Each structure stands twice: as structure tokens, then as C-alpha cells.
Amino acid sequence: MGQVSAVPVPQPRASAATPAAASGSRRSLAAALLLGAVGATVVLLAAGRTWAEGTASVGGGTVALDAKGGDVTGVPTALAIVGLAALVAVLAARRGGRLLVSGLLALSGAGATAAALLGASDTEALDAKAARTTGDAAAAVDALTHTAWPYVTAAGGLLILLAGVLALRYGRLWPTMSGRYERDGTPRPRRAAAVDPDRPEDLWKALDRGEDPTREG
């Protein structure tokens, strides 16, 4: 009986999945950049709005008081700025550095959210304003109300957190910003401009660049 030769089974080409992977990488990168930028903007804007309102009694009358987000806590604003810096650094970092920066981005969002939620029911900022206004250290605010801006700030922090989660999950697939460098990190060599010995201006330009215009290429 003759030997039966095995028929090679064609293997799927790995390159077929490359376009889909590249497309997914671009989508996750765009989503992270959008979420991070929008989230930081929301936090910075909402932290400057009025978070709490009330009144204080002064000389038989009342005076209206309000406390902005920055009066209550400066943590969300600071972490939003850190998040923006981390968002840019994610694209510039490589390998382990990118993982660390992605973690910092996620922690910035989580911290901003937590700080905003904790400040949503704060009364100390308005009590301090009441004490300064009335001159009575024991003065307290009456008719105290809180606005929705702390929760808007917290929502912005969540967007930053989501950007960090995307960076942690897909950051290894994203390109880096250092496009003018080779993969090993060395700058690409520049070709020296051609020098025409009959043109004095070319000779002077070569000397300015530190080149020897008499040297043949």
C-alpha cells in the first residue's frame, strides 16, 4: 500500500486581524483622550461654581452667603490638572512608564470624584464665611442649601477615571508621540544638504552647520 501523504491544512493568516486590532486601538485611544479632556474640563468648570448657599444674621438682618467649590475643597481642581498632565504623559511614556502613568490617571479621576462627593454636604466653608461676616466665631449658617455642582464635578472625575481604565487596558497598543525617533530611541540621522562650491552662500551655510564644505560626499 502506498503511503498517504498528509495534506497541509492552511493556517489563518495573522495579518488578517491586524487591521481590526489597529482600528480597536485607535478607537480606545480616541475614547480615552475624549473622556479625559472632557472630564477634566467639567471638573475645572464645576469646581468654580456655587456648591452651597445660606444666610447669616447680622445686626438684626440677614446676609446671603455662598461657597464655591474651591472654598469647600481644592482637591478636585488639583487632581483634574494632574489628570490632564497624565493624559498627555500616557502618549509619551513607554511600557512600564505608560502603565504607571495610566494608573495615575485613573487615581486622579477616582480622587476627584471622592473629594467632590465628600464636599457635597459640607457646611464648614459657609460657617467660616458666616463667622468672618458677623465677627462671631460661633456663628452658623441658616437656610443652608446645596446645589448640584458637586455631583457634576464628581461626574467629571468619573470620566477621568474611565480614561485611566482605558489606558490601563489598551495603553500598550497605543502609539507613542516620539515619532522622530527610531524604535530603539535614537534620533534618525539627518542628511547633509548638498553644497554647491560655486555658490558662496552654500559654503557659508555649511560652515554654520559645522560641516566641511571641501569634503566630498
C-alpha atoms as a PDB file:
ATOM      1  CA  MET A   1       0.000   0.000   0.000  1.00  0.00           C
ATOM      2  CA  GLY A   2       1.263   3.434  -0.852  1.00  0.00           C
ATOM      3  CA  GLN A   3       1.910   5.965   1.825  1.00  0.00           C
ATOM      4  CA  VAL A   4      -0.764   8.571   2.304  1.00  0.00           C
ATOM      5  CA  SER A   5       0.786  11.981   2.440  1.00  0.00           C
ATOM      6  CA  ALA A   6      -0.669  14.419   4.899  1.00  0.00           C
ATOM      7  CA  VAL A   7      -2.371  17.330   3.283  1.00  0.00           C
ATOM      8  CA  PRO A   8      -1.221  20.569   4.921  1.00  0.00           C
ATOM      9  CA  VAL A   9      -4.061  22.436   6.499  1.00  0.00           C
ATOM     10  CA  PRO A  10      -3.929  26.115   5.668  1.00  0.00           C
ATOM     11  CA  GLN A  11      -3.487  28.258   8.758  1.00  0.00           C
ATOM     12  CA  PRO A  12      -5.320  31.529   9.161  1.00  0.00           C
ATOM     13  CA  ARG A  13      -3.162  34.499   8.385  1.00  0.00           C
ATOM     14  CA  ALA A  14      -2.278  36.541  11.437  1.00  0.00           C
ATOM     15  CA  SER A  15      -2.155  39.682   9.360  1.00  0.00           C
ATOM     16  CA  ALA A  16      -5.892  39.439   8.737  1.00  0.00           C
ATOM     17  CA  ALA A  17      -6.596  40.511  12.309  1.00  0.00           C
ATOM     18  CA  THR A  18      -4.117  43.377  12.182  1.00  0.00           C
ATOM     19  CA  PRO A  19      -6.454  45.999  10.662  1.00  0.00           C
ATOM     20  CA  ALA A  20      -9.170  45.186  13.202  1.00  0.00           C
ATOM     21  CA  ALA A  21      -6.688  45.409  16.084  1.00  0.00           C
ATOM     22  CA  ALA A  22      -5.347  48.708  14.798  1.00  0.00           C
ATOM     23  CA  SER A  23      -8.876  50.052  14.448  1.00  0.00           C
ATOM     24  CA  GLY A  24      -9.718  48.999  18.008  1.00  0.00           C
ATOM     25  CA  SER A  25      -6.523  50.624  19.260  1.00  0.00           C
ATOM     26  CA  ARG A  26      -7.394  53.913  17.562  1.00  0.00           C
ATOM     27  CA  ARG A  27     -10.942  53.835  18.951  1.00  0.00           C
ATOM     28  CA  SER A  28      -9.785  53.195  22.515  1.00  0.00           C
ATOM     29  CA  LEU A  29      -7.166  55.937  22.231  1.00  0.00           C
ATOM     30  CA  ALA A  30      -9.686  58.437  20.888  1.00  0.00           C
ATOM     31  CA  ALA A  31     -12.193  57.485  23.584  1.00  0.00           C
ATOM     32  CA  ALA A  32      -9.612  57.885  26.368  1.00  0.00           C
ATOM     33  CA  LEU A  33      -8.463  61.269  25.085  1.00  0.00           C
ATOM     34  CA  LEU A  34     -12.047  62.487  24.759  1.00  0.00           C
ATOM     35  CA  LEU A  35     -13.131  61.202  28.174  1.00  0.00           C
ATOM     36  CA  GLY A  36     -10.058  62.566  29.912  1.00  0.00           C
ATOM     37  CA  ALA A  37     -10.211  66.000  28.292  1.00  0.00           C
ATOM     38  CA  VAL A  38     -13.971  66.404  28.792  1.00  0.00           C
ATOM     39  CA  GLY A  39     -13.803  65.096  32.358  1.00  0.00           C
ATOM     40  CA  ALA A  40     -11.008  67.471  33.359  1.00  0.00           C
ATOM     41  CA  THR A  41     -12.832  70.404  31.761  1.00  0.00           C
ATOM     42  CA  VAL A  42     -16.046  69.545  33.601  1.00  0.00           C
ATOM     43  CA  VAL A  43     -14.225  69.295  36.932  1.00  0.00           C
ATOM     44  CA  LEU A  44     -12.412  72.604  36.451  1.00  0.00           C
ATOM     45  CA  LEU A  45     -15.599  74.429  35.461  1.00  0.00           C
ATOM     46  CA  ALA A  46     -17.907  72.854  38.036  1.00  0.00           C
ATOM     47  CA  ALA A  47     -15.430  73.400  40.867  1.00  0.00           C
ATOM     48  CA  GLY A  48     -15.702  77.135  40.236  1.00  0.00           C
ATOM     49  CA  ARG A  49     -19.482  77.162  40.649  1.00  0.00           C
ATOM     50  CA  THR A  50     -21.511  77.656  43.821  1.00  0.00           C
ATOM     51  CA  TRP A  51     -21.774  74.452  45.838  1.00  0.00           C
ATOM     52  CA  ALA A  52     -23.667  75.739  48.888  1.00  0.00           C
ATOM     53  CA  GLU A  53     -25.794  78.736  49.853  1.00  0.00           C
ATOM     54  CA  GLY A  54     -27.194  80.107  53.088  1.00  0.00           C
ATOM     55  CA  THR A  55     -27.762  83.187  55.222  1.00  0.00           C
ATOM     56  CA  ALA A  56     -26.191  84.654  58.329  1.00  0.00           C
ATOM     57  CA  SER A  57     -27.774  87.011  60.865  1.00  0.00           C
ATOM     58  CA  VAL A  58     -26.077  90.416  61.067  1.00  0.00           C
ATOM     59  CA  GLY A  59     -27.383  93.354  63.159  1.00  0.00           C
ATOM     60  CA  GLY A  60     -30.973  92.188  63.209  1.00  0.00           C
ATOM     61  CA  GLY A  61     -30.942  91.388  59.487  1.00  0.00           C
ATOM     62  CA  THR A  62     -29.612  88.644  57.280  1.00  0.00           C
ATOM     63  CA  VAL A  63     -26.912  88.489  54.640  1.00  0.00           C
ATOM     64  CA  ALA A  64     -26.725  85.930  51.855  1.00  0.00           C
ATOM     65  CA  LEU A  65     -23.630  83.736  51.701  1.00  0.00           C
ATOM     66  CA  ASP A  66     -22.380  81.224  49.183  1.00  0.00           C
ATOM     67  CA  ALA A  67     -19.436  78.850  48.920  1.00  0.00           C
ATOM     68  CA  LYS A  68     -17.866  77.834  45.634  1.00  0.00           C
ATOM     69  CA  GLY A  69     -16.242  74.501  45.044  1.00  0.00           C
ATOM     70  CA  GLY A  70     -12.796  75.945  45.637  1.00  0.00           C
ATOM     71  CA  ASP A  71     -13.941  77.234  49.025  1.00  0.00           C
ATOM     72  CA  VAL A  72     -15.069  73.758  50.021  1.00  0.00           C
ATOM     73  CA  THR A  73     -12.134  71.722  48.670  1.00  0.00           C
ATOM     74  CA  GLY A  74      -9.338  72.308  46.212  1.00  0.00           C
ATOM     75  CA  VAL A  75      -8.699  68.594  45.670  1.00  0.00           C
ATOM     76  CA  PRO A  76     -10.858  68.075  42.530  1.00  0.00           C
ATOM     77  CA  THR A  77      -9.249  71.027  40.730  1.00  0.00           C
ATOM     78  CA  ALA A  78      -5.736  69.875  41.595  1.00  0.00           C
ATOM     79  CA  LEU A  79      -6.439  66.290  40.539  1.00  0.00           C
ATOM     80  CA  ALA A  80      -8.049  67.425  37.278  1.00  0.00           C
ATOM     81  CA  ILE A  81      -4.809  69.222  36.398  1.00  0.00           C
ATOM     82  CA  VAL A  82      -2.819  66.119  37.355  1.00  0.00           C
ATOM     83  CA  GLY A  83      -5.161  64.054  35.181  1.00  0.00           C
ATOM     84  CA  LEU A  84      -4.589  66.294  32.165  1.00  0.00           C
ATOM     85  CA  ALA A  85      -0.829  66.015  32.603  1.00  0.00           C
ATOM     86  CA  ALA A  86      -1.088  62.232  32.964  1.00  0.00           C
ATOM     87  CA  LEU A  87      -3.259  62.040  29.846  1.00  0.00           C
ATOM     88  CA  VAL A  88      -0.511  63.667  27.788  1.00  0.00           C
ATOM     89  CA  ALA A  89       2.209  61.655  29.508  1.00  0.00           C
ATOM     90  CA  VAL A  90       0.453  58.386  28.624  1.00  0.00           C
ATOM     91  CA  LEU A  91       1.219  59.010  24.951  1.00  0.00           C
ATOM     92  CA  ALA A  92       4.834  59.954  25.624  1.00  0.00           C
ATOM     93  CA  ALA A  93       5.617  57.102  28.032  1.00  0.00           C
ATOM     94  CA  ARG A  94       6.642  53.581  27.051  1.00  0.00           C
ATOM     95  CA  ARG A  95       5.981  50.150  28.521  1.00  0.00           C
ATOM     96  CA  GLY A  96       6.205  50.237  32.313  1.00  0.00           C
ATOM     97  CA  GLY A  97       6.170  54.012  32.404  1.00  0.00           C
ATOM     98  CA  ARG A  98       2.922  54.053  30.476  1.00  0.00           C
ATOM     99  CA  LEU A  99       1.374  51.624  32.945  1.00  0.00           C
ATOM    100  CA  LEU A 100       2.345  53.824  35.889  1.00  0.00           C
ATOM    101  CA  VAL A 101       1.032  56.988  34.245  1.00  0.00           C
ATOM    102  CA  SER A 102      -2.213  55.224  33.326  1.00  0.00           C
ATOM    103  CA  GLY A 103      -2.637  54.255  36.964  1.00  0.00           C
ATOM    104  CA  LEU A 104      -2.021  57.862  37.990  1.00  0.00           C
ATOM    105  CA  LEU A 105      -4.684  58.990  35.514  1.00  0.00           C
ATOM    106  CA  ALA A 106      -7.220  56.565  36.970  1.00  0.00           C
ATOM    107  CA  LEU A 107      -6.364  57.529  40.552  1.00  0.00           C
ATOM    108  CA  SER A 108      -6.750  61.223  39.702  1.00  0.00           C
ATOM    109  CA  GLY A 109     -10.268  60.615  38.476  1.00  0.00           C
ATOM    110  CA  ALA A 110     -11.177  58.474  41.471  1.00  0.00           C
ATOM    111  CA  GLY A 111      -9.774  61.037  43.891  1.00  0.00           C
ATOM    112  CA  ALA A 112     -11.585  63.939  42.238  1.00  0.00           C
ATOM    113  CA  THR A 113     -14.860  62.022  42.386  1.00  0.00           C
ATOM    114  CA  ALA A 114     -14.451  61.094  46.050  1.00  0.00           C
ATOM    115  CA  ALA A 115     -13.479  64.639  47.062  1.00  0.00           C
ATOM    116  CA  ALA A 116     -16.472  66.129  45.235  1.00  0.00           C
ATOM    117  CA  LEU A 117     -18.908  63.697  46.855  1.00  0.00           C
ATOM    118  CA  LEU A 118     -17.469  64.375  50.296  1.00  0.00           C
ATOM    119  CA  GLY A 119     -17.814  68.113  49.732  1.00  0.00           C
ATOM    120  CA  ALA A 120     -21.402  67.874  48.519  1.00  0.00           C
ATOM    121  CA  SER A 121     -22.747  68.140  52.071  1.00  0.00           C
ATOM    122  CA  ASP A 122     -20.008  70.346  53.520  1.00  0.00           C
ATOM    123  CA  THR A 123     -21.044  73.146  55.924  1.00  0.00           C
ATOM    124  CA  GLU A 124     -17.657  74.273  57.216  1.00  0.00           C
ATOM    125  CA  ALA A 125     -16.928  76.625  54.314  1.00  0.00           C
ATOM    126  CA  LEU A 126     -20.163  78.558  54.810  1.00  0.00           C
ATOM    127  CA  ASP A 127     -19.793  78.549  58.611  1.00  0.00           C
ATOM    128  CA  ALA A 128     -16.340  80.079  58.208  1.00  0.00           C
ATOM    129  CA  LYS A 129     -17.789  82.790  55.960  1.00  0.00           C
ATOM    130  CA  ALA A 130     -20.555  83.443  58.466  1.00  0.00           C
ATOM    131  CA  ALA A 131     -18.001  83.845  61.257  1.00  0.00           C
ATOM    132  CA  ARG A 132     -15.982  86.320  59.209  1.00  0.00           C
ATOM    133  CA  THR A 133     -19.080  88.256  58.153  1.00  0.00           C
ATOM    134  CA  THR A 134     -20.648  88.554  61.607  1.00  0.00           C
ATOM    135  CA  GLY A 135     -17.454  88.726  63.617  1.00  0.00           C
ATOM    136  CA  ASP A 136     -18.770  85.900  65.772  1.00  0.00           C
ATOM    137  CA  ALA A 137     -16.637  82.776  65.773  1.00  0.00           C
ATOM    138  CA  ALA A 138     -19.642  80.718  66.887  1.00  0.00           C
ATOM    139  CA  ALA A 139     -21.914  81.952  64.091  1.00  0.00           C
ATOM    140  CA  ALA A 140     -23.609  79.305  61.940  1.00  0.00           C
ATOM    141  CA  VAL A 141     -25.361  79.460  58.602  1.00  0.00           C
ATOM    142  CA  ASP A 142     -29.136  79.466  58.388  1.00  0.00           C
ATOM    143  CA  ALA A 143     -31.298  78.226  55.489  1.00  0.00           C
ATOM    144  CA  LEU A 144     -28.417  76.116  54.202  1.00  0.00           C
ATOM    145  CA  THR A 145     -28.904  74.569  50.747  1.00  0.00           C
ATOM    146  CA  HIS A 146     -26.590  72.646  48.444  1.00  0.00           C
ATOM    147  CA  THR A 147     -26.516  72.780  44.657  1.00  0.00           C
ATOM    148  CA  ALA A 148     -25.939  70.027  42.097  1.00  0.00           C
ATOM    149  CA  TRP A 149     -22.472  71.263  41.112  1.00  0.00           C
ATOM    150  CA  PRO A 150     -20.584  68.898  43.447  1.00  0.00           C
ATOM    151  CA  TYR A 151     -22.252  65.984  41.673  1.00  0.00           C
ATOM    152  CA  VAL A 152     -21.388  67.456  38.281  1.00  0.00           C
ATOM    153  CA  THR A 153     -17.786  67.646  39.499  1.00  0.00           C
ATOM    154  CA  ALA A 154     -17.975  64.017  40.590  1.00  0.00           C
ATOM    155  CA  ALA A 155     -19.268  63.051  37.136  1.00  0.00           C
ATOM    156  CA  GLY A 156     -16.278  64.768  35.552  1.00  0.00           C
ATOM    157  CA  GLY A 157     -13.997  62.801  37.852  1.00  0.00           C
ATOM    158  CA  LEU A 158     -15.665  59.582  36.724  1.00  0.00           C
ATOM    159  CA  LEU A 159     -14.879  60.459  33.106  1.00  0.00           C
ATOM    160  CA  ILE A 160     -11.209  60.886  34.032  1.00  0.00           C
ATOM    161  CA  LEU A 161     -11.350  57.553  35.841  1.00  0.00           C
ATOM    162  CA  LEU A 162     -12.784  55.855  32.740  1.00  0.00           C
ATOM    163  CA  ALA A 163      -9.985  57.352  30.636  1.00  0.00           C
ATOM    164  CA  GLY A 164      -7.485  55.850  33.067  1.00  0.00           C
ATOM    165  CA  VAL A 165      -9.172  52.448  32.911  1.00  0.00           C
ATOM    166  CA  LEU A 166      -8.986  52.512  29.098  1.00  0.00           C
ATOM    167  CA  ALA A 167      -5.321  53.461  29.287  1.00  0.00           C
ATOM    168  CA  LEU A 168      -4.627  50.589  31.674  1.00  0.00           C
ATOM    169  CA  ARG A 169      -6.466  48.132  29.445  1.00  0.00           C
ATOM    170  CA  TYR A 170      -5.392  49.241  25.963  1.00  0.00           C
ATOM    171  CA  GLY A 171      -2.464  51.602  26.522  1.00  0.00           C
ATOM    172  CA  ARG A 172       0.112  49.012  25.488  1.00  0.00           C
ATOM    173  CA  LEU A 173      -1.396  49.048  21.984  1.00  0.00           C
ATOM    174  CA  TRP A 174      -1.266  52.813  21.548  1.00  0.00           C
ATOM    175  CA  PRO A 175       1.474  54.583  19.561  1.00  0.00           C
ATOM    176  CA  THR A 176       3.876  56.998  21.202  1.00  0.00           C
ATOM    177  CA  MET A 177       4.323  60.690  20.486  1.00  0.00           C
ATOM    178  CA  SER A 178       8.073  60.399  19.777  1.00  0.00           C
ATOM    179  CA  GLY A 179       7.668  59.913  16.048  1.00  0.00           C
ATOM    180  CA  ARG A 180      11.009  61.476  15.096  1.00  0.00           C
ATOM    181  CA  TYR A 181      12.901  58.730  16.922  1.00  0.00           C
ATOM    182  CA  GLU A 182      13.607  55.184  15.885  1.00  0.00           C
ATOM    183  CA  ARG A 183      12.195  52.277  17.846  1.00  0.00           C
ATOM    184  CA  ASP A 184      15.410  51.947  19.847  1.00  0.00           C
ATOM    185  CA  GLY A 185      15.120  55.556  20.985  1.00  0.00           C
ATOM    186  CA  THR A 186      17.929  57.014  18.854  1.00  0.00           C
ATOM    187  CA  PRO A 187      17.288  60.080  16.675  1.00  0.00           C
ATOM    188  CA  ARG A 188      17.064  59.500  12.956  1.00  0.00           C
ATOM    189  CA  PRO A 189      20.160  60.806  11.167  1.00  0.00           C
ATOM    190  CA  ARG A 190      19.694  63.894   9.041  1.00  0.00           C
ATOM    191  CA  ARG A 191      21.106  64.012   5.569  1.00  0.00           C
ATOM    192  CA  ALA A 192      23.554  66.822   4.996  1.00  0.00           C
ATOM    193  CA  ALA A 193      22.389  69.373   2.473  1.00  0.00           C
ATOM    194  CA  ALA A 194      24.236  69.369  -0.840  1.00  0.00           C
ATOM    195  CA  VAL A 195      26.847  72.138  -1.095  1.00  0.00           C
ATOM    196  CA  ASP A 196      27.473  73.845  -4.420  1.00  0.00           C
ATOM    197  CA  PRO A 197      31.114  75.074  -4.400  1.00  0.00           C
ATOM    198  CA  ASP A 198      30.189  77.730  -6.949  1.00  0.00           C
ATOM    199  CA  ARG A 199      27.668  79.319  -4.575  1.00  0.00           C
ATOM    200  CA  PRO A 200      29.330  81.235  -1.707  1.00  0.00           C
ATOM    201  CA  GLU A 201      26.099  81.275   0.312  1.00  0.00           C
ATOM    202  CA  ASP A 202      26.071  77.449   0.335  1.00  0.00           C
ATOM    203  CA  LEU A 203      29.636  77.411   1.632  1.00  0.00           C
ATOM    204  CA  TRP A 204      28.772  79.796   4.471  1.00  0.00           C
ATOM    205  CA  LYS A 205      25.675  77.765   5.406  1.00  0.00           C
ATOM    206  CA  ALA A 206      27.776  74.588   5.524  1.00  0.00           C
ATOM    207  CA  LEU A 207      30.312  76.274   7.806  1.00  0.00           C
ATOM    208  CA  ASP A 208      27.494  77.449  10.085  1.00  0.00           C
ATOM    209  CA  ARG A 209      26.287  73.858  10.373  1.00  0.00           C
ATOM    210  CA  GLY A 210      29.769  72.723  11.336  1.00  0.00           C
ATOM    211  CA  GLU A 211      30.339  70.871   8.065  1.00  0.00           C
ATOM    212  CA  ASP A 212      33.437  70.818   5.917  1.00  0.00           C
ATOM    213  CA  PRO A 213      32.377  72.219   2.518  1.00  0.00           C
ATOM    214  CA  THR A 214      35.602  70.947   0.929  1.00  0.00           C
ATOM    215  CA  ARG A 215      34.859  67.349   1.852  1.00  0.00           C
ATOM    216  CA  GLU A 216      33.439  65.323  -0.999  1.00  0.00           C
ATOM    217  CA  GLY A 217      30.209  63.398  -0.218  1.00  0.00           C
END
